[in-house]
N, C-alpha and C. Protein backbone atom coordinates (compact mmCIF):
# COMPACT_ATOMS: atom_id res chain seq x y z
N MET A 1 0.88 -1.56 0.17
CA MET A 1 -0.27 0.03 0.01
C MET A 1 1.20 1.25 0.18
N GLY A 2 1.18 2.23 -0.97
CA GLY A 2 1.96 3.19 -0.91
C GLY A 2 1.29 4.05 -0.05
N SER A 3 1.86 5.21 -0.60
CA SER A 3 1.44 6.92 0.55
C SER A 3 0.14 7.31 -0.81
N THR A 4 -0.21 8.32 -0.13
CA THR A 4 -1.17 9.11 -0.75
C THR A 4 -1.80 10.23 -0.09
N THR A 5 -1.15 11.25 -0.85
CA THR A 5 -0.99 12.85 -0.78
C THR A 5 -2.46 13.52 -1.21
N SER A 6 -3.05 13.96 -0.82
CA SER A 6 -4.05 14.97 -1.43
C SER A 6 -4.14 16.33 -0.61
N SER A 7 -4.74 17.13 -1.14
CA SER A 7 -4.79 18.82 -0.52
C SER A 7 -6.12 18.56 0.06
N THR A 8 -5.84 19.43 1.41
CA THR A 8 -6.95 20.14 2.31
C THR A 8 -7.88 21.28 1.77
N SER A 9 -8.62 21.45 2.26
CA SER A 9 -9.65 22.38 1.52
C SER A 9 -10.11 23.91 2.43
N THR A 10 -9.91 23.40 4.10
CA THR A 10 -10.41 24.85 4.85
C THR A 10 -9.42 25.81 4.44
N ASP A 11 -10.02 26.95 4.39
CA ASP A 11 -9.33 28.25 4.46
C ASP A 11 -7.78 28.12 5.62
N ALA A 12 -7.91 27.34 6.43
CA ALA A 12 -6.58 27.94 7.02
C ALA A 12 -5.52 26.18 6.78
N THR A 13 -6.00 25.54 6.22
CA THR A 13 -5.12 24.76 5.76
C THR A 13 -5.28 24.16 4.03
N LYS A 14 -5.19 25.18 3.43
CA LYS A 14 -5.66 24.79 1.97
C LYS A 14 -4.35 24.81 1.39
N THR A 15 -3.38 24.99 1.74
CA THR A 15 -1.69 24.93 1.13
C THR A 15 -1.54 23.98 1.99
N GLY A 16 -1.68 22.71 2.59
CA GLY A 16 -1.59 21.93 3.25
C GLY A 16 -1.61 20.53 2.67
N THR A 17 -0.93 19.68 3.27
CA THR A 17 -1.26 18.13 2.36
C THR A 17 -1.63 17.01 3.71
N ASN A 18 -2.03 16.07 3.52
CA ASN A 18 -2.03 14.79 4.30
C ASN A 18 -1.78 13.52 3.56
N THR A 19 -0.72 13.24 4.28
CA THR A 19 -0.15 11.99 3.80
C THR A 19 -0.48 10.65 4.28
N ALA A 20 -1.11 9.31 4.02
CA ALA A 20 -1.34 8.45 4.71
C ALA A 20 -0.53 7.08 4.57
N ASP A 21 0.21 6.24 5.10
CA ASP A 21 1.52 5.65 4.30
C ASP A 21 0.87 4.16 4.69
N GLY A 22 1.33 2.93 4.30
CA GLY A 22 1.18 1.83 4.51
C GLY A 22 0.70 1.37 6.32
N SER A 23 1.10 1.93 7.06
CA SER A 23 1.41 1.33 8.50
C SER A 23 0.06 2.14 9.16
N GLY A 24 -0.53 2.89 8.15
CA GLY A 24 -1.81 3.50 8.69
C GLY A 24 -1.66 4.94 9.65
N LYS A 25 -0.23 5.33 9.44
CA LYS A 25 0.17 7.17 10.07
C LYS A 25 -0.34 8.15 8.97
N ILE A 26 -1.18 8.59 9.60
CA ILE A 26 -1.61 10.21 8.58
C ILE A 26 -0.64 11.31 9.24
N THR A 27 0.16 11.98 8.33
CA THR A 27 0.80 13.37 8.48
C THR A 27 0.16 14.03 8.00
N PHE A 28 0.13 15.26 8.78
CA PHE A 28 -0.53 16.95 8.29
C PHE A 28 0.60 17.44 8.16
N SER A 29 0.93 18.39 7.35
CA SER A 29 1.81 19.57 6.85
C SER A 29 1.22 20.39 6.59
N PHE A 30 1.14 21.62 7.03
CA PHE A 30 1.23 23.10 6.51
C PHE A 30 1.83 24.24 6.72
N THR A 31 1.41 24.80 5.58
CA THR A 31 2.43 26.27 5.10
C THR A 31 1.69 27.33 5.55
N ARG A 32 0.46 27.02 6.32
CA ARG A 32 0.19 27.88 7.18
C ARG A 32 -0.02 27.73 8.66
N ARG A 33 0.13 28.55 10.10
CA ARG A 33 -0.44 28.19 11.17
C ARG A 33 -1.50 27.93 11.57
N THR A 34 -1.73 26.77 11.76
CA THR A 34 -3.31 26.49 12.56
C THR A 34 -2.99 25.93 13.76
N HIS A 35 -4.25 25.88 14.60
CA HIS A 35 -4.22 25.51 15.76
C HIS A 35 -5.22 24.17 15.95
N HIS A 36 -5.65 23.85 14.70
CA HIS A 36 -6.63 22.77 14.85
C HIS A 36 -6.62 22.02 13.28
N VAL A 37 -7.01 20.72 13.51
CA VAL A 37 -7.40 20.14 12.20
C VAL A 37 -8.82 19.35 12.29
N HIS A 38 -9.74 19.21 11.23
CA HIS A 38 -10.57 18.46 11.09
C HIS A 38 -10.52 17.42 10.28
N LEU A 39 -10.96 16.11 11.41
CA LEU A 39 -10.99 15.21 10.79
C LEU A 39 -11.88 14.21 10.23
N SER A 40 -13.17 15.16 10.15
CA SER A 40 -14.44 14.65 9.73
C SER A 40 -14.18 14.30 8.14
N GLY A 41 -15.00 13.71 7.76
CA GLY A 41 -14.78 13.26 6.18
C GLY A 41 -13.87 12.64 5.43
N LEU A 42 -12.74 12.55 6.59
CA LEU A 42 -11.46 11.98 6.29
C LEU A 42 -11.71 10.33 5.75
N ASP A 43 -11.45 9.86 4.41
CA ASP A 43 -11.50 8.33 4.76
C ASP A 43 -10.54 8.00 3.85
N VAL A 44 -9.90 6.23 4.52
CA VAL A 44 -9.27 5.86 4.14
C VAL A 44 -9.02 4.74 3.83
N GLU A 45 -8.91 4.18 2.76
CA GLU A 45 -9.24 2.57 2.07
C GLU A 45 -8.38 1.81 2.49
N VAL A 46 -8.73 0.78 3.07
CA VAL A 46 -7.91 -0.13 3.68
C VAL A 46 -7.98 -1.49 3.05
N ALA A 47 -6.79 -2.39 3.25
CA ALA A 47 -7.18 -3.73 2.84
C ALA A 47 -8.35 -4.50 3.06
N THR A 48 -9.03 -5.25 2.76
CA THR A 48 -10.00 -6.16 3.56
C THR A 48 -10.34 -7.29 2.79
N THR A 49 -10.60 -8.48 3.41
CA THR A 49 -11.13 -9.48 2.79
C THR A 49 -12.43 -9.51 2.13
N GLN A 50 -13.16 -8.63 2.57
CA GLN A 50 -14.56 -8.85 1.87
C GLN A 50 -15.02 -7.42 1.13
N ALA A 51 -15.48 -7.94 -0.10
CA ALA A 51 -15.56 -7.07 -1.11
C ALA A 51 -16.87 -5.84 -0.83
N ARG A 52 -16.97 -4.76 -1.00
CA ARG A 52 -17.79 -4.14 -0.72
C ARG A 52 -18.99 -4.10 -1.61
N THR A 53 -20.13 -4.38 -1.35
CA THR A 53 -21.18 -4.32 -2.06
C THR A 53 -21.74 -2.85 -2.35
N MET A 54 -22.06 -2.46 -3.47
CA MET A 54 -22.25 -1.12 -3.94
C MET A 54 -23.81 -1.25 -4.27
N VAL A 55 -24.81 -0.48 -4.16
CA VAL A 55 -26.45 -0.21 -4.10
C VAL A 55 -26.84 0.89 -4.50
N ALA A 56 -27.79 1.16 -5.49
CA ALA A 56 -28.27 2.69 -5.68
C ALA A 56 -29.11 3.10 -4.68
N LEU A 57 -28.62 4.25 -4.23
CA LEU A 57 -29.69 4.69 -2.99
C LEU A 57 -30.63 5.10 -3.37
N GLY A 58 -31.69 4.31 -2.78
CA GLY A 58 -33.00 5.09 -2.88
C GLY A 58 -33.65 6.59 -2.58
N LEU A 59 -33.83 7.15 -3.37
CA LEU A 59 -34.14 8.71 -2.91
C LEU A 59 -35.50 9.39 -2.48
N ALA A 60 -35.53 10.19 -2.02
CA ALA A 60 -36.68 10.55 -1.65
C ALA A 60 -37.17 12.10 -1.88
N SER A 61 -38.47 12.56 -1.68
CA SER A 61 -39.02 13.77 -2.14
C SER A 61 -38.71 14.21 -3.63
N ARG A 62 -39.14 13.56 -4.36
CA ARG A 62 -38.47 13.94 -5.97
C ARG A 62 -37.10 13.80 -5.84
N TRP A 63 -35.91 13.85 -5.42
CA TRP A 63 -34.83 13.79 -5.42
C TRP A 63 -34.18 12.87 -6.40
N ARG A 64 -33.25 13.60 -7.49
CA ARG A 64 -32.93 12.48 -8.25
C ARG A 64 -31.25 12.38 -8.92
N ALA A 65 -30.71 11.47 -9.25
CA ALA A 65 -29.26 11.64 -9.70
C ALA A 65 -29.03 12.83 -10.40
N TYR A 66 -27.62 13.60 -9.87
CA TYR A 66 -27.42 14.46 -10.75
C TYR A 66 -26.78 14.21 -12.36
N GLY A 67 -26.66 13.09 -12.26
CA GLY A 67 -25.81 12.50 -13.67
C GLY A 67 -24.93 13.27 -14.17
N GLY A 68 -24.47 12.86 -15.26
CA GLY A 68 -23.08 12.92 -15.96
C GLY A 68 -22.00 11.92 -15.30
N SER A 69 -20.78 12.57 -15.40
CA SER A 69 -19.80 12.27 -14.66
C SER A 69 -19.94 11.76 -12.93
N PHE A 70 -20.94 12.33 -12.59
CA PHE A 70 -21.34 12.49 -11.09
C PHE A 70 -22.12 11.00 -11.11
N GLY A 71 -22.65 10.25 -12.11
CA GLY A 71 -22.95 8.97 -11.57
C GLY A 71 -24.36 9.23 -10.93
N THR A 72 -24.53 7.90 -10.48
CA THR A 72 -25.99 7.68 -9.58
C THR A 72 -25.46 7.72 -8.13
N PRO A 73 -26.23 8.06 -7.12
CA PRO A 73 -25.92 8.49 -5.73
C PRO A 73 -26.21 6.64 -5.29
N ILE A 74 -25.16 6.38 -4.48
CA ILE A 74 -24.95 4.64 -3.94
C ILE A 74 -24.58 4.76 -2.68
N PHE A 75 -24.93 3.74 -1.64
CA PHE A 75 -24.38 3.09 -0.60
C PHE A 75 -23.64 1.94 -0.95
N SER A 76 -22.33 1.83 -0.22
CA SER A 76 -21.75 0.72 -0.35
C SER A 76 -21.52 0.35 1.05
N TYR A 77 -21.35 -1.18 1.38
CA TYR A 77 -21.02 -1.79 2.79
C TYR A 77 -20.36 -3.05 2.83
N GLY A 78 -19.22 -2.91 3.46
CA GLY A 78 -18.45 -4.28 3.58
C GLY A 78 -17.80 -4.21 4.99
N ASP A 79 -17.67 -5.31 5.92
CA ASP A 79 -16.67 -5.23 7.06
C ASP A 79 -17.16 -4.11 8.32
N GLY A 80 -18.38 -4.05 7.99
CA GLY A 80 -19.25 -3.35 9.16
C GLY A 80 -19.06 -1.57 8.91
N LEU A 81 -19.14 -1.45 7.79
CA LEU A 81 -18.74 0.16 7.34
C LEU A 81 -19.62 0.16 6.01
N CYS A 82 -20.35 1.71 6.31
CA CYS A 82 -21.15 1.72 5.16
C CYS A 82 -20.63 3.11 4.49
N PHE A 83 -20.83 3.24 3.52
CA PHE A 83 -20.26 4.60 2.82
C PHE A 83 -21.75 4.95 1.69
N ILE A 84 -21.73 6.46 1.42
CA ILE A 84 -22.65 6.98 0.82
C ILE A 84 -21.62 7.93 -0.31
N ASP A 85 -22.48 7.85 -1.27
CA ASP A 85 -21.13 8.61 -2.70
C ASP A 85 -22.53 9.19 -3.26
N GLY A 86 -22.23 10.24 -3.79
CA GLY A 86 -23.10 10.68 -4.74
C GLY A 86 -23.45 12.70 -4.94
N LEU A 87 -24.24 12.80 -5.93
CA LEU A 87 -24.61 14.13 -5.93
C LEU A 87 -26.00 13.85 -6.27
N ILE A 88 -27.06 14.55 -5.66
CA ILE A 88 -28.53 14.55 -6.41
C ILE A 88 -28.98 16.15 -6.20
N LYS A 89 -30.28 16.45 -7.40
CA LYS A 89 -30.41 17.54 -7.44
C LYS A 89 -32.10 17.42 -7.63
N HIS A 90 -32.58 18.98 -7.79
CA HIS A 90 -34.46 19.29 -8.03
C HIS A 90 -35.26 18.37 -6.87
N GLY A 91 -34.75 17.95 -5.53
CA GLY A 91 -35.96 17.61 -4.31
C GLY A 91 -36.32 18.80 -3.70
N SER A 92 -37.15 18.43 -2.66
CA SER A 92 -37.58 19.13 -1.83
C SER A 92 -36.86 18.81 -0.16
N TRP A 93 -36.28 20.04 -0.22
CA TRP A 93 -35.34 20.33 1.02
C TRP A 93 -35.93 19.32 2.43
N GLY A 94 -35.57 18.50 2.80
CA GLY A 94 -35.69 17.60 4.11
C GLY A 94 -35.10 16.64 3.83
N HIS A 95 -36.36 15.56 3.82
CA HIS A 95 -35.92 14.54 3.93
C HIS A 95 -35.24 13.76 2.19
N LEU A 96 -34.12 13.42 2.34
CA LEU A 96 -33.34 13.12 0.87
C LEU A 96 -33.46 11.77 0.45
N ALA A 97 -33.01 10.69 1.51
CA ALA A 97 -33.01 9.34 1.37
C ALA A 97 -33.39 8.48 2.42
N THR A 98 -33.24 7.26 2.19
CA THR A 98 -33.34 6.29 3.52
C THR A 98 -32.21 5.22 3.25
N LEU A 99 -31.66 4.83 4.32
CA LEU A 99 -30.87 3.74 3.74
C LEU A 99 -31.51 2.38 4.74
N PRO A 100 -30.87 1.14 4.00
CA PRO A 100 -31.65 0.07 4.53
C PRO A 100 -31.12 -0.36 5.85
N ALA A 101 -31.65 -1.55 6.37
CA ALA A 101 -31.07 -1.73 7.81
C ALA A 101 -29.54 -2.14 7.75
N GLN A 102 -29.01 -2.80 6.69
CA GLN A 102 -27.54 -3.27 6.96
C GLN A 102 -26.82 -1.63 7.17
N CYS A 103 -27.12 -0.54 6.58
CA CYS A 103 -26.52 0.67 6.77
C CYS A 103 -26.90 1.69 7.85
N ARG A 104 -27.82 1.17 8.73
CA ARG A 104 -28.25 2.70 9.94
C ARG A 104 -27.17 2.71 10.89
N PRO A 105 -27.10 3.70 11.23
CA PRO A 105 -26.13 3.59 12.71
C PRO A 105 -26.83 3.58 14.11
N SER A 106 -25.78 3.40 14.66
CA SER A 106 -26.30 3.28 16.18
C SER A 106 -27.04 4.20 16.90
N LYS A 107 -26.39 5.60 16.40
CA LYS A 107 -26.58 7.08 16.99
C LYS A 107 -26.97 7.89 16.01
N ARG A 108 -27.49 8.91 16.11
CA ARG A 108 -27.91 10.22 14.93
C ARG A 108 -26.32 10.63 14.71
N LEU A 109 -26.05 10.74 13.58
CA LEU A 109 -24.57 11.42 12.74
C LEU A 109 -25.25 12.49 12.14
N ILE A 110 -24.24 13.48 12.37
CA ILE A 110 -24.48 14.76 11.88
C ILE A 110 -23.10 15.10 10.73
N PHE A 111 -23.58 15.57 9.66
CA PHE A 111 -22.18 15.75 8.72
C PHE A 111 -22.64 17.34 7.90
N ASN A 112 -21.16 17.33 7.80
CA ASN A 112 -21.26 18.96 7.05
C ASN A 112 -21.21 18.76 5.28
N LEU A 113 -22.14 18.81 4.51
CA LEU A 113 -21.95 18.72 3.19
C LEU A 113 -22.11 19.82 2.19
N ASN A 114 -21.48 19.84 1.23
CA ASN A 114 -21.27 20.72 0.03
C ASN A 114 -22.47 20.88 -0.56
N ASN A 115 -23.00 22.04 -1.01
CA ASN A 115 -23.75 22.86 -1.66
C ASN A 115 -23.07 24.32 -2.21
N ASN A 116 -22.55 23.62 -3.45
CA ASN A 116 -21.29 24.87 -3.89
C ASN A 116 -20.57 25.91 -2.91
N ALA A 117 -20.87 27.02 -2.96
CA ALA A 117 -20.04 27.83 -1.98
C ALA A 117 -20.54 28.00 -0.48
N LYS A 118 -21.45 27.11 -0.16
CA LYS A 118 -21.92 26.91 1.17
C LYS A 118 -22.19 25.56 1.42
N THR A 119 -22.12 25.27 3.06
CA THR A 119 -22.11 24.01 3.51
C THR A 119 -23.52 23.68 4.20
N SER A 120 -23.91 22.78 4.12
CA SER A 120 -25.11 22.30 5.05
C SER A 120 -25.28 21.29 5.55
N ARG A 121 -25.89 21.39 6.67
CA ARG A 121 -25.83 20.06 7.78
C ARG A 121 -26.64 19.18 7.30
N VAL A 122 -26.58 17.91 7.21
CA VAL A 122 -27.22 16.56 6.81
C VAL A 122 -26.94 15.95 7.85
N ASP A 123 -28.07 15.55 8.31
CA ASP A 123 -27.98 14.02 9.76
C ASP A 123 -28.63 12.65 9.24
N ILE A 124 -28.34 11.66 9.53
CA ILE A 124 -28.65 10.35 9.56
C ILE A 124 -29.20 9.62 10.45
N GLU A 125 -30.47 9.30 10.82
CA GLU A 125 -31.12 8.80 12.03
C GLU A 125 -30.94 7.30 12.18
N THR A 126 -31.31 7.16 13.26
CA THR A 126 -31.24 5.57 13.69
C THR A 126 -31.94 4.61 12.76
N HIS A 127 -32.91 5.27 12.44
CA HIS A 127 -33.95 4.35 11.63
C HIS A 127 -33.66 5.00 9.80
N GLY A 128 -32.47 5.34 9.64
CA GLY A 128 -31.95 5.37 8.25
C GLY A 128 -32.19 6.73 7.48
N LYS A 129 -33.15 7.23 8.00
CA LYS A 129 -33.28 8.43 7.19
C LYS A 129 -32.34 9.59 7.13
N ILE A 130 -31.81 9.78 5.69
CA ILE A 130 -30.87 11.17 5.79
C ILE A 130 -31.71 12.19 5.46
N SER A 131 -31.58 13.60 5.97
CA SER A 131 -32.07 14.71 6.12
C SER A 131 -31.53 15.61 6.22
N PHE A 132 -31.59 16.56 5.22
CA PHE A 132 -31.24 17.96 5.33
C PHE A 132 -31.67 18.91 6.43
N ILE A 133 -30.83 19.61 6.69
CA ILE A 133 -31.39 20.17 8.41
C ILE A 133 -31.33 21.62 8.26
N THR A 134 -30.32 22.12 7.84
CA THR A 134 -30.01 23.46 7.78
C THR A 134 -28.57 23.93 6.97
N GLY A 135 -28.63 25.09 6.45
CA GLY A 135 -27.31 25.86 5.82
C GLY A 135 -27.88 25.60 4.47
N GLY A 136 -26.91 25.90 3.53
CA GLY A 136 -26.88 26.28 2.05
C GLY A 136 -27.68 25.36 1.29
N ARG A 137 -28.68 25.94 0.39
CA ARG A 137 -29.51 25.77 -0.23
C ARG A 137 -29.85 26.41 -1.52
N ASP A 138 -29.13 27.19 -1.77
CA ASP A 138 -29.20 28.35 -2.75
C ASP A 138 -29.17 27.71 -4.31
N HIS A 139 -28.63 26.25 -4.47
CA HIS A 139 -28.63 25.73 -5.55
C HIS A 139 -29.32 24.57 -5.54
N SER A 140 -29.99 23.66 -6.59
CA SER A 140 -30.56 23.07 -6.61
C SER A 140 -30.26 21.31 -6.56
N TRP A 141 -28.84 21.44 -5.75
CA TRP A 141 -28.27 20.15 -5.72
C TRP A 141 -27.70 19.98 -4.22
N ILE A 142 -27.15 18.55 -3.84
CA ILE A 142 -26.49 18.50 -2.65
C ILE A 142 -25.68 17.27 -3.03
N SER A 143 -24.33 17.62 -2.21
CA SER A 143 -23.69 16.54 -2.61
C SER A 143 -23.75 15.15 -1.51
N LEU A 144 -23.80 14.28 -1.44
CA LEU A 144 -23.88 13.17 -0.51
C LEU A 144 -22.13 13.04 0.10
N SER A 145 -21.38 13.22 -1.24
CA SER A 145 -19.82 12.76 -0.52
C SER A 145 -19.04 13.27 0.25
N GLY A 146 -19.59 14.97 0.84
CA GLY A 146 -19.04 15.81 1.62
C GLY A 146 -19.11 17.16 1.11
């Protein structure tokens, strides 16, 4: 497993990088001084003995796939983890989708997702409901990937 380097995106750290090596050690390097690092949304692909199953995500409230190079919204699961990926558009703000039983969290989870120049709070409840709560909705789409 080699190293993976990607640039960060917050104002305080946008000139920095993070590197994950084969042992699992993650190193952050910044050219600007900062007193904090946000680790939410950091996904690290690991070797697994079980393939993840990818399934189209059932959308609610007239939401549909953004399409094009963004593909179809999916969830994938395996090794006790669930991932949601995709870009959706033109629905009613509120209920976005519902996860099946194998991907439901044991407690309410809160995420900060992208709506162009603004961020949006999206929660996933224990019964699988994925909901827009507040934040940016100036555009007709929202990212489910981050």
